Amino acid sequence: MKIRAIAFVLALVAIASADELSRKTKTPCESYPNVDVIYDSVSVPHGERLRTIITKPHNAKGKFPVIFVAGWLSCDSVEAPADTKDATGIVFRGLAQLPGFCLFRLDKQGVGDSEGVCGENDLESELTGHRAAFHALLRFDFIDTNRVYILGISNGGGFAPLVPESEAEQAQVRGYISVGGWVKTWFEHMLEIERRRFTLLGKSPAEVNERVKGAATLYHDWLIKGKTIDEIVKDRPELAELWPESADRTHLYGRPLAFYQQLQKLNLAGAWSHVKVPTLVLHGQYDWIMSRQDPELIAQYVNANRPSAARFVEVPEMGHTFQHYLNMADAFAGKSVQFDPKVLRLLTDWLKEQETRTQP
């Protein structure tokens, strides 16, 4: 009887530890014709459980290549409801229905159903979440873990090569897609985006130059010297008006200051310089956030390892990620027009091409 009692208690513990991550959002779970959708989760060392969403061909047998998403900087969910108007959501729905492929997405800490607080989560914790999700690919017998395509979007389009840590994990990656990614230092990026921001705000060329000089001091003291924004503007009050978040001096774009100091410490040029697999690098014509030179450099670094492995595409009328704009001013104002399916075709055509090349 004691043995049975112990077995019963252990079974209860196992059930409790396997509790499903509860839904926080009121959005209906994704569904598609002829596609199975699995809502699962992964745990990270700090204890948070993070939502994962996996799609696969319905009732199909065998193993399939998987598109693994390394997401953006903002605290927006990767979930793509049927009525979404978001360009990235439309792309995800298209990829979920791509015949012969699985799609694997992760909501970072504090986003969607995931536990934690996104606005206080740093880069190292976020990367840990992506790596836990990458490890979780092994759970699913329908995923071919030797045919992984990492789709990095925005910030993820820069750090994508950092997700697989070991040589064995890197060998699982069949290819990369980088959309709106970056590869220079974050300090350089901040100066470049601020120059564009000041210009799009209508400042004169002379004013833009003067503001960039101040921004160089502001971001150098923050990102490189490690000072807080309050400390900087206390010594240099004239720099306060240059800070993009106005009164909030502890966050930028919804993330804590430490997040960006950790971005500054990355060497993404070194990471991309080790990539030798096929890589598609996209940059939007109307991307005012990331410079065109960053994705061009990503392609250059990959091609230095393996000639013609990387393809750079400047996508007409595309914004920072998959949005459709008619001009740069509209992109800056966020005035998008109807989604252009050509951006989805760029991804699906390339993915199908890679699989065709690797067929025996």
Protein backbone atom coordinates (compact mmCIF):
# COMPACT_ATOMS: atom_id res chain seq x y z
CA MET A 1 0.00 0.00 0.00
CA LYS A 2 2.84 2.38 0.83
CA ILE A 3 4.38 1.79 -2.59
CA ARG A 4 1.04 2.50 -4.27
CA ALA A 5 0.61 5.64 -2.18
CA ILE A 6 4.07 6.87 -3.10
CA ALA A 7 3.40 6.14 -6.78
CA PHE A 8 0.14 8.05 -6.57
CA VAL A 9 1.83 11.08 -5.01
CA LEU A 10 4.57 11.04 -7.64
CA ALA A 11 1.95 10.89 -10.36
CA LEU A 12 0.21 13.92 -8.89
CA VAL A 13 3.51 15.81 -8.78
CA ALA A 14 4.17 14.92 -12.41
CA ILE A 15 0.72 16.16 -13.41
CA ALA A 16 1.17 19.39 -11.46
CA SER A 17 4.58 20.04 -13.02
CA ALA A 18 3.11 19.46 -16.46
CA ASP A 19 0.24 21.92 -16.02
CA GLU A 20 -0.45 23.76 -19.21
CA LEU A 21 0.45 27.43 -19.33
CA SER A 22 -2.86 29.21 -18.97
CA ARG A 23 -4.21 31.65 -21.54
CA LYS A 24 -3.94 35.30 -20.52
CA THR A 25 -5.24 36.79 -23.74
CA LYS A 26 -8.84 36.71 -24.95
CA THR A 27 -7.70 36.09 -28.50
CA PRO A 28 -8.93 32.74 -29.85
CA CYS A 29 -6.19 30.20 -30.44
CA GLU A 30 -4.90 30.11 -33.99
CA SER A 31 -6.49 27.66 -36.40
CA TYR A 32 -5.97 26.85 -40.07
CA PRO A 33 -7.38 24.35 -42.54
CA ASN A 34 -5.09 21.33 -42.88
CA VAL A 35 -2.71 22.60 -40.20
CA ASP A 36 -2.28 21.37 -36.62
CA VAL A 37 -1.59 24.10 -34.05
CA ILE A 38 0.13 23.22 -30.76
CA TYR A 39 0.22 25.66 -27.84
CA ASP A 40 3.09 24.57 -25.61
CA SER A 41 5.65 26.22 -23.32
CA VAL A 42 9.29 26.17 -22.27
CA SER A 43 10.80 27.06 -18.90
CA VAL A 44 13.83 29.28 -18.35
CA PRO A 45 16.30 29.26 -15.41
CA HIS A 46 14.57 32.16 -13.63
CA GLY A 47 11.44 30.03 -13.50
CA GLU A 48 9.20 31.75 -16.03
CA ARG A 49 7.23 29.64 -18.46
CA LEU A 50 7.18 31.03 -21.98
CA ARG A 51 4.52 30.38 -24.59
CA THR A 52 5.52 28.52 -27.73
CA ILE A 53 3.25 28.09 -30.76
CA ILE A 54 4.06 25.28 -33.17
CA THR A 55 2.29 24.52 -36.43
CA LYS A 56 2.65 21.46 -38.65
CA PRO A 57 0.90 19.88 -41.64
CA HIS A 58 -2.28 18.12 -40.53
CA ASN A 59 -2.10 14.34 -40.21
CA ALA A 60 1.15 14.27 -42.18
CA LYS A 61 3.65 11.53 -41.38
CA GLY A 62 7.41 11.81 -41.14
CA LYS A 63 9.66 14.69 -40.17
CA PHE A 64 9.51 18.22 -41.55
CA PRO A 65 11.87 21.19 -41.71
CA VAL A 66 11.06 23.93 -39.21
CA ILE A 67 11.10 27.72 -39.44
CA PHE A 68 12.27 28.93 -36.02
CA VAL A 69 11.46 32.59 -35.29
CA ALA A 70 13.91 34.86 -33.45
CA GLY A 71 11.77 37.88 -32.75
CA TRP A 72 11.96 41.62 -32.44
CA LEU A 73 12.85 44.07 -29.69
CA SER A 74 9.37 45.33 -28.77
CA CYS A 75 6.96 43.66 -26.35
CA ASP A 76 4.54 42.48 -29.05
CA SER A 77 3.23 38.93 -29.29
CA VAL A 78 4.11 36.47 -32.06
CA GLU A 79 0.53 35.20 -32.05
CA ALA A 80 -1.30 35.77 -35.33
CA PRO A 81 -5.12 35.62 -35.01
CA ALA A 82 -7.23 35.06 -38.09
CA ASP A 83 -8.33 38.70 -38.26
CA THR A 84 -4.85 40.20 -37.86
CA LYS A 85 -4.00 43.27 -39.90
CA ASP A 86 -0.41 43.25 -38.72
CA ALA A 87 2.01 42.60 -41.58
CA THR A 88 4.21 40.24 -39.57
CA GLY A 89 1.13 38.38 -38.34
CA ILE A 90 0.01 37.90 -41.94
CA VAL A 91 3.46 36.54 -42.81
CA PHE A 92 3.29 34.11 -39.87
CA ARG A 93 -0.10 32.87 -41.01
CA GLY A 94 1.30 32.34 -44.48
CA LEU A 95 4.31 30.42 -43.16
CA ALA A 96 2.08 28.32 -40.91
CA GLN A 97 0.27 27.12 -44.03
CA LEU A 98 3.39 26.54 -46.14
CA PRO A 99 3.13 22.89 -47.25
CA GLY A 100 5.86 20.63 -45.92
CA PHE A 101 7.09 22.99 -43.18
CA CYS A 102 6.61 23.51 -39.45
CA LEU A 103 6.69 26.94 -37.82
CA PHE A 104 7.97 27.48 -34.27
CA ARG A 105 7.36 30.77 -32.44
CA LEU A 106 8.13 32.00 -28.93
CA ASP A 107 6.60 34.81 -26.89
CA LYS A 108 9.31 36.37 -24.74
CA GLN A 109 8.93 37.00 -21.01
CA GLY A 110 5.81 38.99 -20.15
CA VAL A 111 4.33 38.89 -23.66
CA GLY A 112 1.09 37.11 -24.54
CA ASP A 113 0.68 34.13 -22.23
CA SER A 114 4.35 34.11 -21.17
CA GLU A 115 5.24 34.75 -17.55
CA GLY A 116 7.54 37.57 -16.49
CA VAL A 117 7.76 41.30 -17.21
CA CYS A 118 8.91 42.24 -20.70
CA GLY A 119 9.59 45.87 -19.80
CA GLU A 120 12.15 44.82 -17.18
CA ASN A 121 13.63 41.82 -18.98
CA ASP A 122 17.21 42.15 -20.19
CA LEU A 123 18.82 40.80 -23.34
CA GLU A 124 20.59 37.90 -21.66
CA SER A 125 17.31 36.59 -20.25
CA GLU A 126 15.64 37.00 -23.63
CA LEU A 127 18.39 35.06 -25.38
CA THR A 128 18.08 32.36 -22.74
CA GLY A 129 14.40 32.04 -23.65
CA HIS A 130 15.17 31.66 -27.35
CA ARG A 131 17.80 29.03 -26.58
CA ALA A 132 15.38 27.09 -24.38
CA ALA A 133 12.90 27.14 -27.25
CA PHE A 134 15.58 25.95 -29.68
CA HIS A 135 16.38 23.04 -27.35
CA ALA A 136 12.66 22.24 -27.21
CA LEU A 137 12.63 21.37 -30.92
CA LEU A 138 13.83 17.94 -29.84
CA ARG A 139 10.51 17.28 -28.08
CA PHE A 140 8.55 16.98 -31.30
CA ASP A 141 8.93 13.83 -33.36
CA PHE A 142 7.53 15.56 -36.45
CA ILE A 143 10.33 18.16 -36.54
CA ASP A 144 13.53 17.35 -38.40
CA THR A 145 16.04 19.04 -36.10
CA ASN A 146 18.69 18.86 -38.80
CA ARG A 147 16.61 21.07 -41.09
CA VAL A 148 16.15 24.26 -39.05
CA TYR A 149 15.70 27.62 -40.75
CA ILE A 150 16.06 30.55 -38.36
CA LEU A 151 13.92 33.56 -39.29
CA GLY A 152 15.30 36.59 -37.47
CA ILE A 153 13.17 39.73 -37.50
CA SER A 154 14.47 43.20 -36.54
CA ASN A 155 16.61 42.69 -33.42
CA GLY A 156 16.34 38.94 -33.98
CA GLY A 157 17.61 39.53 -37.50
CA GLY A 158 20.86 40.56 -35.85
CA PHE A 159 21.28 38.08 -33.00
CA ALA A 160 19.89 35.03 -34.87
CA PRO A 161 23.31 33.27 -35.09
CA LEU A 162 23.63 33.48 -31.29
CA VAL A 163 20.57 31.28 -30.68
CA PRO A 164 22.28 27.93 -31.45
CA GLU A 165 25.14 27.84 -28.94
CA SER A 166 27.12 24.65 -29.50
CA GLU A 167 28.71 23.42 -32.72
CA ALA A 168 26.18 20.58 -32.73
CA GLU A 169 23.28 23.06 -32.57
CA GLN A 170 24.83 25.26 -35.23
CA ALA A 171 25.07 22.19 -37.47
CA GLN A 172 21.29 21.78 -37.16
CA VAL A 173 20.72 25.11 -38.93
CA ARG A 174 20.11 24.69 -42.66
CA GLY A 175 19.74 28.42 -43.33
CA TYR A 176 18.99 31.91 -42.02
CA ILE A 177 16.58 34.63 -43.03
CA SER A 178 17.33 38.08 -41.62
CA VAL A 179 14.69 40.80 -41.99
CA GLY A 180 15.53 44.35 -40.87
CA GLY A 181 18.55 43.04 -38.97
CA TRP A 182 21.69 44.74 -37.71
CA VAL A 183 25.36 43.82 -37.40
CA LYS A 184 27.35 46.91 -36.44
CA THR A 185 27.62 48.06 -32.82
CA TRP A 186 24.47 49.33 -31.13
CA PHE A 187 26.20 52.66 -30.54
CA GLU A 188 26.64 53.09 -34.29
CA HIS A 189 23.04 52.08 -34.85
CA MET A 190 21.76 54.69 -32.40
CA LEU A 191 23.66 57.47 -34.14
CA GLU A 192 22.36 56.37 -37.53
CA ILE A 193 18.73 56.05 -36.47
CA GLU A 194 18.87 59.39 -34.68
CA ARG A 195 20.21 61.11 -37.80
CA ARG A 196 17.27 59.70 -39.76
CA ARG A 197 14.81 60.56 -36.98
CA PHE A 198 15.97 64.17 -36.77
CA THR A 199 15.79 64.49 -40.56
CA LEU A 200 12.30 62.99 -40.75
CA LEU A 201 11.19 65.35 -37.97
CA GLY A 202 11.95 68.17 -40.41
CA LYS A 203 15.13 69.54 -38.85
CA SER A 204 17.47 71.46 -41.13
CA PRO A 205 20.76 69.80 -42.19
CA ALA A 206 22.64 72.10 -39.79
CA GLU A 207 20.28 71.26 -36.93
CA VAL A 208 20.60 67.55 -37.68
CA ASN A 209 24.39 67.72 -37.42
CA GLU A 210 24.28 69.62 -34.13
CA ARG A 211 21.79 67.15 -32.68
CA VAL A 212 23.88 64.17 -33.78
CA LYS A 213 26.89 65.70 -31.98
CA GLY A 214 24.86 65.83 -28.78
CA ALA A 215 23.48 62.32 -29.37
CA ALA A 216 27.03 61.02 -29.75
CA THR A 217 27.85 62.24 -26.24
CA LEU A 218 24.55 61.01 -24.79
CA TYR A 219 24.78 57.49 -26.22
CA HIS A 220 28.53 57.14 -25.63
CA ASP A 221 28.14 57.93 -21.94
CA TRP A 222 25.16 55.55 -21.65
CA LEU A 223 26.14 52.60 -23.83
CA ILE A 224 29.92 52.63 -23.44
CA LYS A 225 30.61 54.35 -20.12
CA GLY A 226 27.59 52.71 -18.46
CA LYS A 227 26.04 55.86 -17.00
CA THR A 228 22.31 56.25 -16.47
CA ILE A 229 20.41 58.84 -18.50
CA ASP A 230 19.66 60.80 -15.31
CA GLU A 231 23.37 60.98 -14.51
CA ILE A 232 24.17 62.18 -18.02
CA VAL A 233 21.56 64.93 -18.22
CA LYS A 234 22.38 66.11 -14.72
CA ASP A 235 25.87 66.94 -15.98
CA ARG A 236 24.68 67.99 -19.46
CA PRO A 237 21.10 69.34 -19.17
CA GLU A 238 21.07 70.37 -22.85
CA LEU A 239 21.10 66.69 -23.85
CA ALA A 240 17.74 65.96 -22.17
CA GLU A 241 15.69 67.03 -25.19
CA LEU A 242 17.54 64.52 -27.39
CA TRP A 243 16.38 61.49 -25.39
CA PRO A 244 13.62 59.83 -27.47
CA GLU A 245 11.47 58.83 -24.49
CA SER A 246 11.19 62.32 -22.98
CA ALA A 247 10.32 61.92 -19.28
CA ASP A 248 11.00 58.15 -19.05
CA ARG A 249 14.74 57.91 -18.57
CA THR A 250 14.82 54.28 -17.46
CA HIS A 251 13.44 52.69 -20.66
CA LEU A 252 13.84 53.01 -24.41
CA TYR A 253 11.28 51.52 -26.83
CA GLY A 254 9.73 49.77 -23.83
CA ARG A 255 12.88 47.96 -22.69
CA PRO A 256 15.21 48.74 -19.74
CA LEU A 257 18.48 50.61 -20.26
CA ALA A 258 20.55 47.52 -19.37
CA PHE A 259 19.05 45.71 -22.37
CA TYR A 260 20.84 48.09 -24.74
CA GLN A 261 24.09 48.10 -22.81
CA GLN A 262 24.10 44.33 -23.32
CA LEU A 263 23.34 44.83 -27.03
CA GLN A 264 26.37 47.10 -27.21
CA LYS A 265 28.57 44.33 -25.82
CA LEU A 266 27.60 41.91 -28.60
CA ASN A 267 29.88 41.33 -31.56
CA LEU A 268 27.40 40.37 -34.25
CA ALA A 269 29.98 40.86 -37.00
CA GLY A 270 31.91 38.03 -35.36
CA ALA A 271 28.78 35.88 -35.09
CA TRP A 272 27.76 36.32 -38.72
CA SER A 273 31.36 35.79 -39.83
CA HIS A 274 31.02 32.16 -38.72
CA VAL A 275 27.83 31.49 -40.71
CA LYS A 276 28.39 29.28 -43.74
CA VAL A 277 24.85 28.18 -44.60
CA PRO A 278 22.47 29.77 -47.15
CA THR A 279 21.19 33.12 -45.92
CA LEU A 280 18.49 35.44 -47.23
CA VAL A 281 18.93 39.03 -46.06
CA LEU A 282 16.06 41.49 -46.57
CA HIS A 283 16.00 45.26 -46.09
CA GLY A 284 13.01 47.46 -46.81
CA GLN A 285 13.26 50.44 -49.13
CA TYR A 286 11.42 52.49 -46.51
CA ASP A 287 13.10 51.11 -43.40
CA TRP A 288 14.00 54.23 -41.44
CA ILE A 289 15.02 52.21 -38.38
CA MET A 290 17.92 50.09 -39.67
CA SER A 291 20.54 51.22 -42.15
CA ARG A 292 20.84 49.41 -45.47
CA GLN A 293 24.54 48.88 -44.82
CA ASP A 294 23.86 46.48 -41.92
CA PRO A 295 22.10 43.78 -43.99
CA GLU A 296 24.57 44.33 -46.81
CA LEU A 297 27.38 43.59 -44.35
CA ILE A 298 25.61 40.46 -43.09
CA ALA A 299 25.49 39.13 -46.64
CA GLN A 300 29.11 40.16 -47.18
CA TYR A 301 30.33 38.32 -44.08
CA VAL A 302 28.47 35.11 -44.96
CA ASN A 303 29.67 35.20 -48.57
CA ALA A 304 33.26 35.60 -47.35
CA ASN A 305 32.86 32.16 -45.74
CA ARG A 306 30.98 30.55 -48.60
CA PRO A 307 30.74 32.42 -51.91
CA SER A 308 27.16 33.08 -53.07
CA ALA A 309 25.66 31.54 -49.91
CA ALA A 310 23.98 34.83 -48.95
CA ARG A 311 21.53 36.85 -51.01
CA PHE A 312 20.80 40.49 -50.18
CA VAL A 313 17.47 41.93 -51.34
CA GLU A 314 16.35 45.55 -51.04
CA VAL A 315 12.57 45.09 -51.00
CA PRO A 316 10.64 47.87 -52.78
CA GLU A 317 8.09 49.71 -50.62
CA MET A 318 8.77 47.55 -47.56
CA GLY A 319 9.27 49.09 -44.13
CA HIS A 320 11.39 47.88 -41.24
CA THR A 321 9.89 44.42 -41.30
CA PHE A 322 7.02 43.43 -43.60
CA GLN A 323 4.91 46.61 -43.66
CA HIS A 324 3.92 48.19 -46.98
CA TYR A 325 4.51 51.93 -47.34
CA LEU A 326 4.40 54.33 -50.28
CA ASN A 327 7.19 56.64 -49.07
CA MET A 328 9.62 57.19 -46.20
CA ALA A 329 7.48 59.88 -44.56
CA ASP A 330 4.56 57.46 -44.33
CA ALA A 331 6.86 54.81 -42.88
CA PHE A 332 8.05 57.24 -40.21
CA ALA A 333 4.42 58.12 -39.40
CA GLY A 334 3.34 54.47 -39.40
CA LYS A 335 0.82 55.02 -42.23
CA SER A 336 0.90 51.67 -43.96
CA VAL A 337 -1.18 50.54 -46.90
CA GLN A 338 -2.54 47.10 -47.79
CA PHE A 339 -0.17 44.19 -47.15
CA ASP A 340 1.88 43.25 -50.20
CA PRO A 341 2.06 39.44 -50.57
CA LYS A 342 5.34 39.68 -52.46
CA VAL A 343 7.23 39.87 -49.16
CA LEU A 344 5.76 36.53 -48.10
CA ARG A 345 6.63 35.01 -51.48
CA LEU A 346 10.24 36.09 -51.06
CA LEU A 347 10.42 33.94 -47.93
CA THR A 348 8.44 30.94 -49.17
CA ASP A 349 10.19 30.81 -52.55
CA TRP A 350 13.59 30.88 -50.87
CA LEU A 351 12.63 28.21 -48.33
CA LYS A 352 11.28 25.89 -51.02
CA GLU A 353 14.41 26.51 -53.08
CA GLN A 354 16.64 25.44 -50.20
CA GLU A 355 14.67 22.25 -49.63
CA THR A 356 14.77 21.42 -53.34
CA ARG A 357 18.54 21.82 -53.36
CA THR A 358 18.98 19.45 -50.43
CA GLN A 359 16.71 16.68 -51.69
CA PRO A 360 18.66 13.45 -52.42
